Amino acid sequence: MSIPNLRLFFAGQAISLVGTWLQSTAQALLVYRVSGGHSEPVAITACCTAIPLILLGPLLGNLTSHIPRRHLVIATQAVELLLAAVLGLLVHAHRATPACVYVLAFLLGCAEAIYFPAVQRLLRDIAGSTHIRSAVGLSAVISNIARFGGPTLAGLLIGSFGISIAFFLNSLSFVAVIVSLLLLREEQKQHVERQEGWSLLKTVKYLSQDVRMLGVFATVGLMNVFGQSCYALIPALEAGDARATGLLLGAAGLGSLTSALCVMPFFQGFRRPGLLLCGALLWMSSALAVTASFDFLPLQLISMWPLGLATTVLFVTTLGLIQTVPPVPTHGPLFGLFGAAFYGSQPVAALGLAYLADRGSISRTMRGSALVEVLGALLLLLLPKWRVWDVRQLAAPEATT
């Protein structure tokens, strides 16, 4: 935080992330209500945002090597500001339909497909290679403060003023990001020069040569497909109760914040990321199973807290490894792939889980998902190169050209 540009960057991000969680919670409740109390449309909405991330993210990630990252981030945030305002106006005018939300969610995903690789590379530009791992950890702290406060605040605001207020506040929050980025000083120009990027095909070839990085992406997939995707079922699990939904998502956010502040510092020197990530997957799946098994809100709140603990360990560790292990020219496509795996896979999986939940039992669907997450972690532990990976050997094998 001694870096002025980093202080500006995180100040804008902190405000915007609270708004993002306000909209995320409100959007799920909105679709659940206007669809007549079904969980499937909630998952379809999230899936509409995920499709561009999956299809376009890996392809557009290389733009960050040719266009100034700050310009890309400002442009995408301006687009998201307009999309949030439009949705708020539709809700306020009682004209919001599932189809309208689907279209706006798809456009949001298009913006996010460019935003995520750009903002991750911009963070490295500002922090530099010396401070990037600390910056990733600090970013997780800020993200999880927003993750805790956003859903909880959304539940309170929606209950008092209606759903539209969440969208309007999110729209205003993007102003903070844009202003903070405009105020950045042009320092350390060696970090912001345009670089030759790798194509997606060349990056995939690089990944195929390193079991460790493949394991990192497998971990991200397991966490989201069979873990965090179940968050989309929370409104249905609580029968559309805005207060209970906000409290449960807020409890997970509080666990993530606790992890970022009190748990991750103890793992900064942990040399075996394969063991750490698999342990976090097993912890996460256990907490998820407890949440799904008991229809008692206090106990669900208690179990969502450790679920959030594991989520931060997984997110910070995987993102930190991608920031530090692969060659810099791979970062654009890799962050595009990470965005597809982290943000894209989750809603698509949630759609499948919602389909099962609507035709069976929500609790059984969530428990089954947790079981698959356990099996995936155990399979990863069978790989010797993953199990014995030592981060003191940070240099990954160079990919052949």
Protein backbone atom coordinates (compact mmCIF):
# COMPACT_ATOMS: atom_id res chain seq x y z
CA MET A 1 0.00 0.00 0.00
CA SER A 2 3.05 2.29 -0.14
CA ILE A 3 2.48 2.43 -3.92
CA PRO A 4 0.14 5.38 -4.67
CA ASN A 5 -1.26 3.83 -7.82
CA LEU A 6 -2.09 0.64 -5.94
CA ARG A 7 -3.98 2.60 -3.30
CA LEU A 8 -6.06 4.30 -5.99
CA PHE A 9 -6.68 1.02 -7.78
CA PHE A 10 -7.91 -0.81 -4.69
CA ALA A 11 -10.04 2.12 -3.52
CA GLY A 12 -12.03 2.02 -6.75
CA GLN A 13 -12.21 -1.76 -6.75
CA ALA A 14 -13.51 -1.88 -3.16
CA ILE A 15 -16.47 0.36 -3.95
CA SER A 16 -17.27 -1.37 -7.23
CA LEU A 17 -17.11 -4.89 -5.78
CA VAL A 18 -19.73 -4.05 -3.14
CA GLY A 19 -21.97 -2.91 -5.97
CA THR A 20 -21.27 -6.07 -7.94
CA TRP A 21 -22.44 -8.26 -5.06
CA LEU A 22 -25.48 -6.04 -4.58
CA GLN A 23 -26.47 -6.67 -8.19
CA SER A 24 -25.61 -10.37 -8.12
CA THR A 25 -27.84 -11.01 -5.12
CA ALA A 26 -30.64 -8.78 -6.42
CA GLN A 27 -30.55 -10.32 -9.88
CA ALA A 28 -30.94 -13.86 -8.52
CA LEU A 29 -33.89 -12.81 -6.37
CA LEU A 30 -35.45 -10.84 -9.23
CA VAL A 31 -35.38 -13.77 -11.66
CA TYR A 32 -36.58 -16.19 -8.99
CA ARG A 33 -39.60 -14.01 -8.29
CA VAL A 34 -40.60 -13.05 -11.84
CA SER A 35 -40.29 -16.69 -12.96
CA GLY A 36 -42.83 -17.84 -10.38
CA GLY A 37 -40.42 -19.35 -7.86
CA HIS A 38 -38.24 -21.63 -10.02
CA SER A 39 -34.48 -22.03 -9.58
CA GLU A 40 -33.81 -22.94 -13.22
CA PRO A 41 -34.25 -19.38 -14.60
CA VAL A 42 -31.80 -18.13 -11.95
CA ALA A 43 -29.19 -20.50 -13.32
CA ILE A 44 -30.05 -19.57 -16.93
CA THR A 45 -29.36 -15.91 -16.11
CA ALA A 46 -25.96 -16.74 -14.68
CA CYS A 47 -25.31 -18.98 -17.69
CA CYS A 48 -26.00 -16.08 -20.05
CA THR A 49 -23.16 -14.17 -18.41
CA ALA A 50 -20.91 -17.23 -18.50
CA ILE A 51 -21.24 -18.06 -22.21
CA PRO A 52 -19.19 -15.04 -23.43
CA LEU A 53 -16.60 -15.69 -20.71
CA ILE A 54 -16.17 -19.28 -21.87
CA LEU A 55 -16.20 -18.60 -25.62
CA LEU A 56 -14.58 -15.16 -25.81
CA GLY A 57 -12.42 -14.89 -22.68
CA PRO A 58 -9.54 -17.13 -23.83
CA LEU A 59 -9.60 -15.53 -27.28
CA LEU A 60 -9.79 -11.90 -26.14
CA GLY A 61 -7.22 -12.24 -23.37
CA ASN A 62 -4.45 -11.49 -25.84
CA LEU A 63 -5.91 -8.00 -26.38
CA THR A 64 -4.17 -7.03 -23.15
CA SER A 65 -0.83 -7.41 -24.92
CA HIS A 66 -1.75 -4.91 -27.66
CA ILE A 67 -4.10 -2.34 -26.06
CA PRO A 68 -3.26 -0.41 -22.84
CA ARG A 69 -4.81 -2.34 -19.97
CA ARG A 70 -6.09 0.78 -18.22
CA HIS A 71 -8.03 1.82 -21.32
CA LEU A 72 -9.59 -1.63 -21.60
CA VAL A 73 -10.67 -1.63 -17.96
CA ILE A 74 -12.19 1.87 -18.17
CA ALA A 75 -14.12 0.98 -21.32
CA THR A 76 -15.56 -2.22 -19.90
CA GLN A 77 -16.55 -0.52 -16.64
CA ALA A 78 -18.40 2.19 -18.56
CA VAL A 79 -20.36 -0.50 -20.42
CA GLU A 80 -21.23 -2.29 -17.17
CA LEU A 81 -22.37 1.00 -15.64
CA LEU A 82 -24.89 1.45 -18.44
CA LEU A 83 -26.12 -2.15 -18.24
CA ALA A 84 -26.77 -1.90 -14.50
CA ALA A 85 -28.65 1.39 -14.95
CA VAL A 86 -30.85 -0.07 -17.70
CA LEU A 87 -31.77 -3.06 -15.55
CA GLY A 88 -32.57 -0.80 -12.61
CA LEU A 89 -34.88 1.30 -14.79
CA LEU A 90 -36.66 -1.79 -16.11
CA VAL A 91 -37.26 -3.08 -12.59
CA HIS A 92 -38.42 0.31 -11.35
CA ALA A 93 -40.90 0.54 -14.25
CA HIS A 94 -42.12 -3.03 -13.59
CA ARG A 95 -41.02 -4.08 -17.08
CA ALA A 96 -38.30 -6.53 -16.13
CA THR A 97 -38.88 -9.98 -17.61
CA PRO A 98 -36.61 -13.04 -17.61
CA ALA A 99 -35.86 -12.41 -21.31
CA CYS A 100 -34.69 -8.84 -20.61
CA VAL A 101 -32.46 -10.02 -17.80
CA TYR A 102 -31.01 -12.77 -20.00
CA VAL A 103 -30.01 -10.27 -22.71
CA LEU A 104 -28.44 -7.84 -20.25
CA ALA A 105 -26.63 -10.68 -18.50
CA PHE A 106 -25.18 -11.82 -21.85
CA LEU A 107 -23.92 -8.31 -22.62
CA LEU A 108 -22.40 -8.14 -19.14
CA GLY A 109 -20.53 -11.37 -19.85
CA CYS A 110 -19.11 -9.89 -23.07
CA ALA A 111 -17.71 -6.96 -21.10
CA GLU A 112 -16.36 -9.25 -18.37
CA ALA A 113 -14.57 -11.43 -20.96
CA ILE A 114 -12.34 -8.44 -21.70
CA TYR A 115 -12.33 -6.95 -18.19
CA PHE A 116 -10.95 -9.88 -16.20
CA PRO A 117 -7.70 -10.49 -18.15
CA ALA A 118 -7.20 -6.73 -18.45
CA VAL A 119 -7.64 -5.97 -14.75
CA GLN A 120 -5.37 -8.84 -13.67
CA ARG A 121 -2.59 -7.66 -15.96
CA LEU A 122 -3.17 -4.06 -14.87
CA LEU A 123 -2.70 -5.18 -11.26
CA ARG A 124 0.67 -6.65 -12.23
CA ASP A 125 1.57 -3.44 -14.08
CA ILE A 126 0.92 -1.41 -10.94
CA ALA A 127 2.38 -3.75 -8.34
CA GLY A 128 5.32 -5.04 -10.39
CA SER A 129 6.70 -8.55 -10.24
CA THR A 130 8.19 -7.90 -6.78
CA HIS A 131 4.87 -7.15 -5.08
CA ILE A 132 2.38 -9.08 -7.21
CA ARG A 133 1.83 -11.97 -4.78
CA SER A 134 1.14 -9.56 -1.92
CA ALA A 135 -1.13 -7.55 -4.21
CA VAL A 136 -3.13 -10.69 -5.09
CA GLY A 137 -3.57 -11.40 -1.37
CA LEU A 138 -4.66 -7.83 -0.68
CA SER A 139 -7.06 -8.00 -3.62
CA ALA A 140 -8.60 -11.10 -2.03
CA VAL A 141 -9.07 -9.23 1.27
CA ILE A 142 -10.91 -6.41 -0.47
CA SER A 143 -12.95 -8.81 -2.61
CA ASN A 144 -14.07 -10.75 0.42
CA ILE A 145 -15.00 -7.65 2.39
CA ALA A 146 -17.29 -6.83 -0.51
CA ARG A 147 -18.47 -10.42 -0.70
CA PHE A 148 -19.45 -10.30 2.96
CA GLY A 149 -20.99 -6.84 2.93
CA GLY A 150 -22.63 -6.89 -0.51
CA PRO A 151 -25.14 -9.75 -0.13
CA THR A 152 -25.96 -8.78 3.45
CA LEU A 153 -26.54 -5.16 2.43
CA ALA A 154 -28.55 -6.33 -0.57
CA GLY A 155 -30.91 -8.32 1.62
CA LEU A 156 -31.49 -5.32 3.88
CA LEU A 157 -31.93 -2.80 1.06
CA ILE A 158 -34.19 -5.01 -1.04
CA GLY A 159 -36.35 -5.77 1.96
CA SER A 160 -36.73 -2.04 2.69
CA PHE A 161 -36.68 -0.29 -0.70
CA GLY A 162 -37.24 -2.94 -3.37
CA ILE A 163 -34.96 -4.67 -5.85
CA SER A 164 -34.25 -1.72 -8.18
CA ILE A 165 -32.17 0.13 -5.57
CA ALA A 166 -29.46 -2.54 -5.80
CA PHE A 167 -29.02 -2.04 -9.55
CA PHE A 168 -28.89 1.75 -9.30
CA LEU A 169 -26.27 1.61 -6.54
CA ASN A 170 -24.18 -0.83 -8.56
CA SER A 171 -24.34 1.52 -11.54
CA LEU A 172 -23.05 4.37 -9.39
CA SER A 173 -20.23 2.20 -8.00
CA PHE A 174 -18.58 1.96 -11.43
CA VAL A 175 -17.98 5.71 -11.32
CA ALA A 176 -15.51 5.10 -8.48
CA VAL A 177 -13.54 2.62 -10.60
CA ILE A 178 -13.40 4.90 -13.63
CA VAL A 179 -12.32 7.92 -11.57
CA SER A 180 -9.63 5.93 -9.72
CA LEU A 181 -8.18 4.65 -13.00
CA LEU A 182 -8.18 8.11 -14.56
CA LEU A 183 -6.18 9.37 -11.58
CA LEU A 184 -3.45 6.73 -11.93
CA ARG A 185 -0.02 8.24 -12.47
CA GLU A 186 2.00 7.00 -15.43
CA GLU A 187 4.81 5.40 -13.46
CA GLN A 188 7.04 2.41 -14.04
CA LYS A 189 6.51 2.53 -17.79
CA GLN A 190 8.47 -0.64 -18.24
CA HIS A 191 5.49 -2.48 -16.79
CA VAL A 192 2.93 -1.01 -19.17
CA GLU A 193 4.69 -1.31 -22.50
CA ARG A 194 2.92 -3.40 -25.08
CA GLN A 195 4.21 -6.96 -25.16
CA GLU A 196 4.11 -9.72 -27.67
CA GLY A 197 1.35 -12.05 -26.56
CA TRP A 198 0.93 -15.74 -27.15
CA SER A 199 -1.91 -17.16 -29.16
CA LEU A 200 -4.47 -19.34 -27.43
CA LEU A 201 -3.18 -22.41 -29.27
CA LYS A 202 0.40 -21.78 -28.17
CA THR A 203 -0.75 -21.21 -24.58
CA VAL A 204 -2.74 -24.45 -24.55
CA LYS A 205 0.36 -26.24 -25.88
CA TYR A 206 2.34 -24.74 -23.01
CA LEU A 207 -0.22 -25.95 -20.49
CA SER A 208 -0.14 -29.47 -21.91
CA GLN A 209 3.56 -29.65 -21.04
CA ASP A 210 3.14 -28.86 -17.34
CA VAL A 211 1.01 -31.16 -15.16
CA ARG A 212 1.24 -28.65 -12.31
CA MET A 213 -0.49 -25.83 -14.17
CA LEU A 214 -3.06 -28.27 -15.53
CA GLY A 215 -3.72 -29.25 -11.91
CA VAL A 216 -4.23 -25.58 -11.02
CA PHE A 217 -6.93 -25.24 -13.68
CA ALA A 218 -8.49 -28.57 -12.66
CA THR A 219 -8.71 -27.24 -9.10
CA VAL A 220 -10.42 -24.07 -10.32
CA GLY A 221 -12.90 -26.18 -12.28
CA LEU A 222 -13.73 -28.43 -9.33
CA MET A 223 -14.16 -25.48 -7.00
CA ASN A 224 -16.63 -23.79 -9.33
CA VAL A 225 -18.42 -26.59 -11.15
CA PHE A 226 -19.13 -28.63 -8.04
CA GLY A 227 -18.66 -26.06 -5.27
CA GLN A 228 -19.51 -22.44 -5.88
CA SER A 229 -22.09 -23.31 -8.53
CA CYS A 230 -24.31 -24.39 -5.64
CA TYR A 231 -24.52 -20.74 -4.54
CA ALA A 232 -27.04 -20.26 -7.34
CA LEU A 233 -29.34 -22.69 -5.52
CA ILE A 234 -29.33 -20.72 -2.26
CA PRO A 235 -32.45 -18.63 -3.12
CA ALA A 236 -34.34 -21.86 -3.85
CA LEU A 237 -32.91 -23.57 -0.75
CA GLU A 238 -34.36 -20.69 1.30
CA ALA A 239 -37.64 -20.56 -0.69
CA GLY A 240 -36.94 -17.07 -2.04
CA ASP A 241 -36.45 -15.46 1.38
CA ALA A 242 -34.33 -12.34 0.68
CA ARG A 243 -33.13 -12.04 4.27
CA ALA A 244 -32.05 -15.67 4.58
CA THR A 245 -30.42 -15.63 1.13
CA GLY A 246 -28.45 -12.50 1.95
CA LEU A 247 -27.38 -13.86 5.34
CA LEU A 248 -26.16 -17.18 3.92
CA LEU A 249 -24.17 -15.57 1.10
CA GLY A 250 -22.89 -13.00 3.57
CA ALA A 251 -21.76 -15.77 5.93
CA ALA A 252 -19.73 -17.32 3.11
CA GLY A 253 -18.28 -13.90 2.40
CA LEU A 254 -17.37 -13.46 6.07
CA GLY A 255 -15.59 -16.82 5.98
CA SER A 256 -13.68 -15.72 2.88
CA LEU A 257 -12.71 -12.47 4.57
CA THR A 258 -11.59 -14.33 7.69
CA SER A 259 -9.51 -16.60 5.51
CA ALA A 260 -7.86 -13.71 3.67
CA LEU A 261 -7.00 -11.89 6.90
CA CYS A 262 -6.23 -14.72 9.33
CA VAL A 263 -5.68 -17.97 7.42
CA MET A 264 -3.82 -17.15 4.21
CA PRO A 265 -0.90 -15.42 6.01
CA PHE A 266 -0.06 -18.78 7.60
CA PHE A 267 0.07 -20.44 4.18
CA GLN A 268 2.29 -17.84 2.49
CA GLY A 269 5.33 -20.00 3.23
CA PHE A 270 3.63 -23.33 2.49
CA ARG A 271 5.74 -25.03 -0.16
CA ARG A 272 3.32 -27.71 -1.42
CA PRO A 273 0.46 -26.00 -3.29
CA GLY A 274 -0.91 -29.32 -4.60
CA LEU A 275 -1.54 -30.59 -1.08
CA LEU A 276 -2.91 -27.22 0.04
CA LEU A 277 -5.40 -26.97 -2.84
CA CYS A 278 -6.66 -30.53 -2.45
CA GLY A 279 -7.09 -30.04 1.28
CA ALA A 280 -9.12 -26.88 0.64
CA LEU A 281 -11.33 -28.76 -1.86
CA LEU A 282 -12.08 -31.45 0.74
CA TRP A 283 -12.84 -28.82 3.39
CA MET A 284 -15.14 -26.90 1.03
CA SER A 285 -17.12 -29.98 0.00
CA SER A 286 -17.67 -30.98 3.64
CA ALA A 287 -19.07 -27.56 4.55
CA LEU A 288 -21.31 -27.59 1.47
CA ALA A 289 -22.73 -30.98 2.40
CA VAL A 290 -23.61 -29.74 5.90
CA THR A 291 -25.35 -26.63 4.51
CA ALA A 292 -27.50 -28.79 2.24
CA SER A 293 -28.33 -31.40 4.86
CA PHE A 294 -29.97 -29.29 7.57
CA ASP A 295 -33.03 -27.04 7.22
CA PHE A 296 -32.02 -24.85 10.17
CA LEU A 297 -30.77 -21.36 9.35
CA PRO A 298 -28.33 -20.89 12.29
CA LEU A 299 -26.60 -24.18 11.47
CA GLN A 300 -26.51 -23.30 7.77
CA LEU A 301 -24.90 -19.97 8.62
CA ILE A 302 -22.25 -21.74 10.69
CA SER A 303 -21.45 -24.17 7.87
CA MET A 304 -21.31 -21.45 5.18
CA TRP A 305 -18.55 -19.70 7.10
CA PRO A 306 -15.93 -22.50 6.69
CA LEU A 307 -17.07 -22.90 3.10
CA GLY A 308 -15.96 -19.31 2.55
CA LEU A 309 -12.65 -20.06 4.29
CA ALA A 310 -11.80 -22.72 1.72
CA THR A 311 -12.93 -20.60 -1.23
CA THR A 312 -10.38 -17.87 -0.50
CA VAL A 313 -7.55 -20.36 -0.03
CA LEU A 314 -8.39 -21.85 -3.44
CA PHE A 315 -8.83 -18.54 -5.24
CA VAL A 316 -5.76 -16.75 -3.87
CA THR A 317 -3.48 -19.74 -4.29
CA THR A 318 -4.50 -20.57 -7.86
CA LEU A 319 -4.46 -16.95 -9.03
CA GLY A 320 -1.11 -16.32 -7.34
CA LEU A 321 0.41 -19.34 -9.06
CA ILE A 322 -0.82 -18.15 -12.46
CA GLN A 323 0.60 -14.68 -11.79
CA THR A 324 4.07 -16.02 -10.87
CA VAL A 325 4.79 -19.40 -12.49
CA PRO A 326 4.11 -19.12 -16.26
CA PRO A 327 6.06 -16.79 -18.59
CA VAL A 328 4.61 -13.27 -18.77
CA PRO A 329 3.64 -13.52 -22.49
CA THR A 330 1.19 -16.30 -21.57
CA HIS A 331 -0.67 -14.19 -19.01
CA GLY A 332 -3.31 -12.71 -21.32
CA PRO A 333 -4.64 -16.04 -22.65
CA LEU A 334 -4.13 -17.73 -19.27
CA PHE A 335 -6.22 -15.13 -17.46
CA GLY A 336 -8.83 -15.54 -20.17
CA LEU A 337 -8.83 -19.28 -19.50
CA PHE A 338 -8.92 -18.64 -15.75
CA GLY A 339 -11.92 -16.34 -16.19
CA ALA A 340 -13.67 -19.02 -18.23
CA ALA A 341 -12.88 -21.69 -15.62
CA PHE A 342 -13.58 -19.56 -12.54
CA TYR A 343 -16.49 -17.34 -13.63
CA GLY A 344 -17.73 -19.15 -16.73
CA SER A 345 -17.93 -22.76 -15.61
CA GLN A 346 -19.81 -21.94 -12.42
CA PRO A 347 -23.08 -20.69 -13.96
CA VAL A 348 -23.11 -23.40 -16.63
CA ALA A 349 -22.77 -26.03 -13.92
CA ALA A 350 -25.40 -24.21 -11.86
CA LEU A 351 -27.83 -24.58 -14.74
CA GLY A 352 -27.38 -28.36 -14.68
CA LEU A 353 -27.69 -28.45 -10.90
CA ALA A 354 -30.84 -26.31 -11.04
CA TYR A 355 -32.34 -28.70 -13.60
CA LEU A 356 -31.73 -31.60 -11.20
CA ALA A 357 -32.93 -29.61 -8.19
CA ASP A 358 -36.23 -28.61 -9.85
CA ARG A 359 -36.94 -32.25 -10.70
CA GLY A 360 -35.72 -33.79 -7.49
CA SER A 361 -34.34 -32.49 -4.22
CA ILE A 362 -32.24 -29.35 -3.79
CA SER A 363 -30.43 -30.79 -0.78
CA ARG A 364 -29.61 -34.09 -2.52
CA THR A 365 -28.34 -32.22 -5.57
CA MET A 366 -25.99 -30.13 -3.45
CA ARG A 367 -24.73 -33.14 -1.51
CA GLY A 368 -24.07 -35.04 -4.73
CA SER A 369 -22.10 -32.10 -6.09
CA ALA A 370 -20.00 -32.02 -2.92
CA LEU A 371 -19.25 -35.74 -3.32
CA VAL A 372 -17.94 -35.23 -6.87
CA GLU A 373 -15.69 -32.45 -5.56
CA VAL A 374 -14.25 -34.88 -3.00
CA LEU A 375 -13.56 -37.51 -5.67
CA GLY A 376 -11.86 -34.94 -7.90
CA ALA A 377 -9.53 -33.85 -5.09
CA LEU A 378 -8.60 -37.45 -4.34
CA LEU A 379 -7.84 -38.12 -8.02
CA LEU A 380 -5.51 -35.11 -8.14
CA LEU A 381 -3.64 -36.45 -5.14
CA LEU A 382 -2.86 -39.59 -7.13
CA LEU A 383 -0.62 -37.55 -9.49
CA PRO A 384 2.97 -37.64 -8.14
CA LYS A 385 4.10 -34.41 -9.83
CA TRP A 386 1.12 -32.60 -8.33
CA ARG A 387 1.47 -34.13 -4.91
CA VAL A 388 5.19 -33.32 -4.50
CA TRP A 389 5.18 -29.93 -6.26
CA ASP A 390 7.44 -27.55 -4.34
CA VAL A 391 6.90 -23.81 -4.96
CA ARG A 392 10.58 -23.17 -4.38
CA GLN A 393 10.91 -24.43 -7.93
CA LEU A 394 8.76 -21.63 -9.35
CA ALA A 395 10.20 -21.65 -12.81
CA ALA A 396 7.93 -23.70 -15.01
CA PRO A 397 9.37 -25.57 -17.98
CA GLU A 398 9.63 -23.29 -20.98
CA ALA A 399 7.20 -24.19 -23.72
CA THR A 400 8.65 -25.02 -27.07
CA THR A 401 8.03 -22.55 -29.84
